[in-house]
């Protein structure tokens, strides 16, 4: 009986210690889900970072440049975006040119100018009719 009590107390002490050890290192995971060919919905995790790393990335000077480029890619370059919007060839070409110019400016350290080009591309996307 005493052995059982000692085992239970030891187990509780270990669990309590483990829970306190990880409180400051909670991770935030980003990812997405997709349907497999078998008809099963599967969640895919792409990256897990700590709260501190997440805040640092949000406060990074080039955050908007990266965010806008991903947004443009999602809406105009990936298959779902092309299927969702009714782009003309000229508007799609203009979006791609503006994205390339914005990316080049951002990489050169001209963040505000790059962001302006990317926002211009996003405005074209937002004014394109959806299917």
N, C-alpha and C. Protein backbone atom coordinates (compact mmCIF):
# COMPACT_ATOMS: atom_id res chain seq x y z
N UNK A 1 0.83 -1.19 0.00
CA UNK A 1 0.00 0.00 0.00
C UNK A 1 0.87 1.25 0.00
N UNK A 2 1.91 1.26 0.80
CA UNK A 2 2.80 2.42 0.89
C UNK A 2 3.52 2.61 -0.44
N UNK A 3 3.88 1.49 -1.11
CA UNK A 3 4.55 1.59 -2.41
C UNK A 3 3.63 2.27 -3.42
N UNK A 4 2.36 1.92 -3.41
CA UNK A 4 1.41 2.53 -4.33
C UNK A 4 1.28 4.02 -4.07
N UNK A 5 1.23 4.41 -2.81
CA UNK A 5 1.12 5.83 -2.47
C UNK A 5 2.37 6.57 -2.91
N UNK A 6 3.55 5.98 -2.69
CA UNK A 6 4.81 6.62 -3.11
C UNK A 6 4.88 6.75 -4.63
N UNK A 7 4.41 5.72 -5.33
CA UNK A 7 4.41 5.78 -6.80
C UNK A 7 3.47 6.88 -7.28
N UNK A 8 2.30 6.98 -6.68
CA UNK A 8 1.35 8.02 -7.07
C UNK A 8 1.91 9.40 -6.79
N UNK A 9 2.50 9.58 -5.60
CA UNK A 9 3.09 10.89 -5.26
C UNK A 9 4.23 11.22 -6.21
N UNK A 10 5.07 10.24 -6.51
CA UNK A 10 6.18 10.47 -7.45
C UNK A 10 5.66 10.86 -8.83
N UNK A 11 4.63 10.15 -9.29
CA UNK A 11 4.04 10.44 -10.59
C UNK A 11 3.48 11.87 -10.63
N UNK A 12 2.77 12.25 -9.59
CA UNK A 12 2.21 13.60 -9.52
C UNK A 12 3.31 14.66 -9.48
N UNK A 13 4.37 14.40 -8.75
CA UNK A 13 5.48 15.36 -8.67
C UNK A 13 6.16 15.52 -10.03
N UNK A 14 6.35 14.43 -10.73
CA UNK A 14 6.99 14.50 -12.06
C UNK A 14 6.10 15.26 -13.03
N UNK A 15 4.80 14.97 -13.01
CA UNK A 15 3.87 15.67 -13.91
C UNK A 15 3.81 17.16 -13.61
N UNK A 16 3.78 17.50 -12.33
CA UNK A 16 3.75 18.91 -11.94
C UNK A 16 5.03 19.61 -12.38
N UNK A 17 6.17 18.98 -12.17
CA UNK A 17 7.45 19.57 -12.59
C UNK A 17 7.53 19.75 -14.08
N UNK A 18 7.04 18.77 -14.83
CA UNK A 18 7.06 18.87 -16.29
C UNK A 18 6.16 19.98 -16.79
N UNK A 19 5.03 20.18 -16.13
CA UNK A 19 4.12 21.24 -16.59
C UNK A 19 4.70 22.62 -16.32
N UNK A 20 5.42 22.79 -15.22
CA UNK A 20 6.04 24.09 -14.94
C UNK A 20 7.26 24.33 -15.83
N UNK A 21 7.91 23.29 -16.26
CA UNK A 21 9.12 23.44 -17.07
C UNK A 21 8.81 24.02 -18.44
N UNK A 22 7.63 23.78 -19.00
CA UNK A 22 7.32 24.21 -20.36
C UNK A 22 6.41 25.43 -20.44
N UNK A 23 6.12 26.11 -19.37
CA UNK A 23 5.15 27.21 -19.43
C UNK A 23 5.64 28.39 -20.24
N UNK A 24 6.93 28.71 -20.21
CA UNK A 24 7.42 29.87 -20.94
C UNK A 24 7.81 29.55 -22.37
N UNK A 25 7.77 28.33 -22.78
CA UNK A 25 8.16 27.94 -24.13
C UNK A 25 6.99 27.39 -24.93
N UNK A 26 5.80 27.94 -24.73
CA UNK A 26 4.65 27.48 -25.52
C UNK A 26 4.90 27.84 -26.97
N UNK A 27 4.50 26.94 -27.84
CA UNK A 27 4.73 27.15 -29.26
C UNK A 27 3.42 27.42 -29.98
N UNK A 28 3.51 28.26 -31.00
CA UNK A 28 2.37 28.56 -31.87
C UNK A 28 2.67 27.86 -33.19
N UNK A 29 1.72 27.07 -33.64
CA UNK A 29 1.94 26.32 -34.88
C UNK A 29 1.03 26.85 -35.97
N UNK A 30 1.60 27.06 -37.14
CA UNK A 30 0.81 27.47 -38.29
C UNK A 30 0.73 26.27 -39.22
N UNK A 31 -0.28 26.23 -39.99
CA UNK A 31 -0.44 25.12 -40.91
C UNK A 31 -1.77 25.20 -41.62
N UNK A 32 -2.11 24.15 -42.27
CA UNK A 32 -3.36 24.12 -42.99
C UNK A 32 -3.83 22.67 -43.07
N UNK A 33 -5.05 22.49 -43.50
CA UNK A 33 -5.60 21.16 -43.68
C UNK A 33 -5.91 20.91 -45.13
N UNK A 34 -5.94 19.66 -45.50
CA UNK A 34 -6.30 19.32 -46.87
C UNK A 34 -6.97 17.96 -46.90
N UNK A 35 -7.74 17.74 -47.93
CA UNK A 35 -8.40 16.46 -48.12
C UNK A 35 -7.45 15.55 -48.89
N UNK A 36 -7.28 14.33 -48.39
CA UNK A 36 -6.43 13.37 -49.08
C UNK A 36 -7.25 12.66 -50.16
N UNK A 37 -6.59 11.88 -50.98
CA UNK A 37 -7.29 11.15 -52.04
C UNK A 37 -8.25 10.12 -51.46
N UNK A 38 -7.99 9.68 -50.22
CA UNK A 38 -8.86 8.71 -49.56
C UNK A 38 -10.10 9.34 -48.96
N UNK A 39 -10.23 10.67 -49.07
CA UNK A 39 -11.38 11.36 -48.53
C UNK A 39 -11.23 11.73 -47.06
N UNK A 40 -10.01 11.66 -46.55
CA UNK A 40 -9.74 11.99 -45.15
C UNK A 40 -9.19 13.41 -45.07
N UNK A 41 -9.67 14.17 -44.08
CA UNK A 41 -9.18 15.54 -43.88
C UNK A 41 -7.97 15.47 -42.97
N UNK A 42 -6.83 15.96 -43.43
CA UNK A 42 -5.60 15.84 -42.68
C UNK A 42 -5.04 17.24 -42.40
N UNK A 43 -4.68 17.50 -41.15
CA UNK A 43 -4.09 18.78 -40.77
C UNK A 43 -2.58 18.66 -40.94
N UNK A 44 -2.02 19.63 -41.62
CA UNK A 44 -0.59 19.64 -41.89
C UNK A 44 0.02 20.82 -41.16
N UNK A 45 0.98 20.58 -40.34
CA UNK A 45 1.68 21.65 -39.62
C UNK A 45 2.93 22.02 -40.40
N UNK A 46 3.09 23.29 -40.65
CA UNK A 46 4.24 23.70 -41.43
C UNK A 46 5.36 24.26 -40.56
N UNK A 47 5.02 24.92 -39.46
CA UNK A 47 6.06 25.54 -38.66
C UNK A 47 5.53 25.83 -37.26
N UNK A 48 6.33 25.55 -36.25
CA UNK A 48 5.98 25.87 -34.87
C UNK A 48 7.06 26.80 -34.31
N UNK A 49 6.63 27.92 -33.74
CA UNK A 49 7.56 28.88 -33.15
C UNK A 49 7.05 29.31 -31.79
N UNK A 50 7.95 29.87 -30.98
CA UNK A 50 7.55 30.34 -29.65
C UNK A 50 6.81 31.67 -29.79
N UNK A 51 6.12 32.06 -28.74
CA UNK A 51 5.39 33.33 -28.72
C UNK A 51 6.35 34.50 -28.96
N UNK A 52 7.53 34.41 -28.37
CA UNK A 52 8.53 35.48 -28.52
C UNK A 52 8.99 35.61 -29.98
N UNK A 53 9.23 34.47 -30.63
CA UNK A 53 9.63 34.48 -32.05
C UNK A 53 8.51 35.02 -32.92
N UNK A 54 7.28 34.65 -32.59
CA UNK A 54 6.12 35.12 -33.35
C UNK A 54 5.99 36.64 -33.26
N UNK A 55 6.12 37.19 -32.05
CA UNK A 55 6.04 38.64 -31.88
C UNK A 55 7.17 39.34 -32.61
N UNK A 56 8.36 38.75 -32.58
CA UNK A 56 9.50 39.34 -33.28
C UNK A 56 9.24 39.38 -34.79
N UNK A 57 8.64 38.32 -35.33
CA UNK A 57 8.36 38.31 -36.77
C UNK A 57 7.29 39.33 -37.14
N UNK A 58 6.30 39.53 -36.26
CA UNK A 58 5.27 40.54 -36.52
C UNK A 58 5.84 41.95 -36.49
N UNK A 59 6.84 42.16 -35.66
CA UNK A 59 7.43 43.50 -35.52
C UNK A 59 8.62 43.73 -36.44
N UNK A 60 8.95 42.75 -37.28
CA UNK A 60 10.08 42.89 -38.20
C UNK A 60 9.76 43.98 -39.23
N UNK A 61 10.77 44.76 -39.61
CA UNK A 61 10.53 45.84 -40.57
C UNK A 61 10.01 45.36 -41.92
N UNK A 62 10.40 44.16 -42.34
CA UNK A 62 9.98 43.66 -43.65
C UNK A 62 8.75 42.76 -43.58
N UNK A 63 8.02 42.79 -42.47
CA UNK A 63 6.84 41.93 -42.29
C UNK A 63 5.81 42.16 -43.40
N UNK A 64 5.47 43.43 -43.67
CA UNK A 64 4.43 43.72 -44.66
C UNK A 64 4.86 43.28 -46.06
N UNK A 65 6.13 43.45 -46.39
CA UNK A 65 6.61 43.00 -47.70
C UNK A 65 6.37 41.50 -47.87
N UNK A 66 6.72 40.73 -46.86
CA UNK A 66 6.53 39.28 -46.94
C UNK A 66 5.04 38.92 -46.95
N UNK A 67 4.26 39.58 -46.10
CA UNK A 67 2.83 39.29 -46.00
C UNK A 67 2.11 39.59 -47.32
N UNK A 68 2.39 40.74 -47.91
CA UNK A 68 1.74 41.12 -49.16
C UNK A 68 2.10 40.16 -50.30
N UNK A 69 3.37 39.74 -50.36
CA UNK A 69 3.78 38.82 -51.41
C UNK A 69 3.04 37.48 -51.28
N UNK A 70 2.90 36.98 -50.05
CA UNK A 70 2.16 35.73 -49.85
C UNK A 70 0.70 35.90 -50.24
N UNK A 71 0.13 37.05 -49.90
CA UNK A 71 -1.26 37.31 -50.22
C UNK A 71 -1.47 37.34 -51.73
N UNK A 72 -0.59 38.00 -52.44
CA UNK A 72 -0.68 38.08 -53.90
C UNK A 72 -0.55 36.68 -54.50
N UNK A 73 0.38 35.90 -54.00
CA UNK A 73 0.56 34.54 -54.50
C UNK A 73 -0.72 33.73 -54.31
N UNK A 74 -1.31 33.81 -53.12
CA UNK A 74 -2.53 33.03 -52.84
C UNK A 74 -3.67 33.40 -53.77
N UNK A 75 -3.81 34.68 -54.07
CA UNK A 75 -4.96 35.14 -54.83
C UNK A 75 -4.76 35.16 -56.34
N UNK A 76 -3.52 35.21 -56.81
CA UNK A 76 -3.36 35.34 -58.26
C UNK A 76 -2.49 34.26 -58.91
N UNK A 77 -1.67 33.58 -58.14
CA UNK A 77 -0.75 32.63 -58.76
C UNK A 77 -1.12 31.17 -58.50
N UNK A 78 -1.62 30.85 -57.33
CA UNK A 78 -1.95 29.45 -57.08
C UNK A 78 -3.26 29.12 -57.79
N UNK A 79 -3.47 27.87 -58.04
CA UNK A 79 -4.61 27.42 -58.84
C UNK A 79 -5.95 27.87 -58.26
N UNK A 80 -6.10 27.81 -56.95
CA UNK A 80 -7.37 28.19 -56.34
C UNK A 80 -7.69 29.66 -56.61
N UNK A 81 -6.70 30.54 -56.48
CA UNK A 81 -6.92 31.96 -56.72
C UNK A 81 -7.29 32.24 -58.16
N UNK A 82 -6.61 31.58 -59.08
CA UNK A 82 -6.92 31.77 -60.50
C UNK A 82 -8.33 31.28 -60.83
N UNK A 83 -8.75 30.22 -60.14
CA UNK A 83 -10.08 29.67 -60.36
C UNK A 83 -11.15 30.57 -59.74
N UNK A 84 -10.81 31.20 -58.63
CA UNK A 84 -11.78 32.01 -57.88
C UNK A 84 -12.07 33.34 -58.56
N UNK A 85 -11.08 33.95 -59.18
CA UNK A 85 -11.23 35.28 -59.77
C UNK A 85 -11.29 35.20 -61.29
N UNK A 86 -11.94 36.18 -61.90
CA UNK A 86 -11.99 36.28 -63.37
C UNK A 86 -10.95 37.30 -63.82
N UNK A 87 -9.71 36.87 -63.89
CA UNK A 87 -8.64 37.75 -64.33
C UNK A 87 -8.59 37.84 -65.84
N UNK A 88 -8.31 39.03 -66.34
CA UNK A 88 -7.98 39.16 -67.76
C UNK A 88 -6.48 38.91 -67.86
N UNK A 89 -6.02 38.60 -69.04
CA UNK A 89 -4.58 38.38 -69.22
C UNK A 89 -3.78 39.62 -68.86
N UNK A 90 -4.31 40.79 -69.22
CA UNK A 90 -3.57 42.03 -68.94
C UNK A 90 -3.53 42.34 -67.44
N UNK A 91 -4.63 42.10 -66.72
CA UNK A 91 -4.61 42.39 -65.28
C UNK A 91 -3.70 41.41 -64.54
N UNK A 92 -3.69 40.15 -64.96
CA UNK A 92 -2.82 39.16 -64.34
C UNK A 92 -1.35 39.49 -64.61
N UNK A 93 -1.05 39.93 -65.82
CA UNK A 93 0.32 40.33 -66.16
C UNK A 93 0.74 41.54 -65.33
N UNK A 94 -0.16 42.52 -65.16
CA UNK A 94 0.13 43.72 -64.37
C UNK A 94 0.38 43.35 -62.90
N UNK A 95 -0.42 42.44 -62.37
CA UNK A 95 -0.24 41.99 -60.99
C UNK A 95 1.14 41.36 -60.82
N UNK A 96 1.52 40.49 -61.75
CA UNK A 96 2.82 39.82 -61.66
C UNK A 96 3.99 40.80 -61.78
N UNK A 97 3.85 41.80 -62.66
CA UNK A 97 4.90 42.82 -62.81
C UNK A 97 5.03 43.63 -61.51
N UNK A 98 3.91 44.06 -60.96
CA UNK A 98 3.94 44.84 -59.72
C UNK A 98 4.51 44.02 -58.57
N UNK A 99 4.16 42.74 -58.50
CA UNK A 99 4.70 41.88 -57.44
C UNK A 99 6.22 41.76 -57.59
N UNK A 100 6.69 41.55 -58.80
CA UNK A 100 8.13 41.42 -59.03
C UNK A 100 8.86 42.71 -58.68
N UNK A 101 8.29 43.85 -59.08
CA UNK A 101 8.90 45.14 -58.74
C UNK A 101 8.92 45.36 -57.23
N UNK A 102 7.81 45.04 -56.58
CA UNK A 102 7.73 45.20 -55.14
C UNK A 102 8.72 44.31 -54.42
N UNK A 103 8.84 43.08 -54.86
CA UNK A 103 9.78 42.14 -54.25
C UNK A 103 11.21 42.64 -54.40
N UNK A 104 11.55 43.12 -55.59
CA UNK A 104 12.90 43.64 -55.84
C UNK A 104 13.20 44.83 -54.92
N UNK A 105 12.24 45.76 -54.80
CA UNK A 105 12.43 46.92 -53.94
C UNK A 105 12.57 46.50 -52.47
N UNK A 106 11.77 45.56 -52.04
CA UNK A 106 11.84 45.09 -50.64
C UNK A 106 13.20 44.46 -50.36
N UNK A 107 13.67 43.63 -51.30
CA UNK A 107 14.96 42.97 -51.12
C UNK A 107 16.11 43.97 -51.13
N UNK A 108 15.91 45.10 -51.81
CA UNK A 108 16.94 46.15 -51.85
C UNK A 108 16.89 47.04 -50.60
N UNK A 109 15.93 46.78 -49.71
CA UNK A 109 15.83 47.58 -48.49
C UNK A 109 14.91 48.78 -48.61
N UNK A 110 14.30 48.97 -49.77
CA UNK A 110 13.37 50.08 -49.97
C UNK A 110 11.96 49.56 -49.64
N UNK A 111 11.73 49.38 -48.34
CA UNK A 111 10.52 48.70 -47.89
C UNK A 111 9.24 49.45 -48.22
N UNK A 112 9.20 50.74 -47.98
CA UNK A 112 7.97 51.52 -48.23
C UNK A 112 7.61 51.53 -49.71
N UNK A 113 8.62 51.71 -50.58
CA UNK A 113 8.36 51.70 -52.01
C UNK A 113 7.89 50.32 -52.48
N UNK A 114 8.53 49.28 -51.94
CA UNK A 114 8.14 47.92 -52.27
C UNK A 114 6.72 47.61 -51.82
N UNK A 115 6.39 48.03 -50.59
CA UNK A 115 5.04 47.82 -50.07
C UNK A 115 4.01 48.53 -50.94
N UNK A 116 4.35 49.72 -51.42
CA UNK A 116 3.42 50.48 -52.27
C UNK A 116 3.12 49.72 -53.56
N UNK A 117 4.14 49.14 -54.18
CA UNK A 117 3.94 48.35 -55.40
C UNK A 117 3.07 47.12 -55.12
N UNK A 118 3.33 46.47 -54.00
CA UNK A 118 2.57 45.28 -53.64
C UNK A 118 1.11 45.63 -53.34
N UNK A 119 0.89 46.75 -52.68
CA UNK A 119 -0.48 47.20 -52.39
C UNK A 119 -1.21 47.51 -53.69
N UNK A 120 -0.51 48.08 -54.64
CA UNK A 120 -1.12 48.38 -55.95
C UNK A 120 -1.59 47.08 -56.62
N UNK A 121 -0.77 46.02 -56.51
CA UNK A 121 -1.17 44.72 -57.06
C UNK A 121 -2.38 44.16 -56.33
N UNK A 122 -2.40 44.32 -55.02
CA UNK A 122 -3.53 43.83 -54.21
C UNK A 122 -4.82 44.58 -54.57
N UNK A 123 -4.71 45.86 -54.87
CA UNK A 123 -5.89 46.63 -55.28
C UNK A 123 -6.47 46.10 -56.59
N UNK A 124 -5.61 45.70 -57.51
CA UNK A 124 -6.10 45.12 -58.76
C UNK A 124 -6.83 43.81 -58.46
N UNK A 125 -6.26 43.01 -57.57
CA UNK A 125 -6.90 41.74 -57.20
C UNK A 125 -8.25 42.00 -56.56
N UNK A 126 -8.31 42.96 -55.63
CA UNK A 126 -9.56 43.19 -54.91
C UNK A 126 -10.65 43.79 -55.79
N UNK A 127 -10.26 44.38 -56.92
CA UNK A 127 -11.26 44.94 -57.83
C UNK A 127 -11.58 43.99 -59.01
N UNK A 128 -11.05 42.78 -58.94
CA UNK A 128 -11.32 41.78 -59.97
C UNK A 128 -12.56 40.99 -59.56
N UNK A 129 -13.41 40.80 -60.50
CA UNK A 129 -14.67 40.10 -60.21
C UNK A 129 -14.42 38.63 -59.88
N UNK A 130 -15.17 38.15 -58.90
CA UNK A 130 -15.06 36.74 -58.51
C UNK A 130 -16.05 35.91 -59.30
N UNK A 131 -15.73 34.64 -59.46
CA UNK A 131 -16.64 33.70 -60.14
C UNK A 131 -17.86 33.41 -59.31
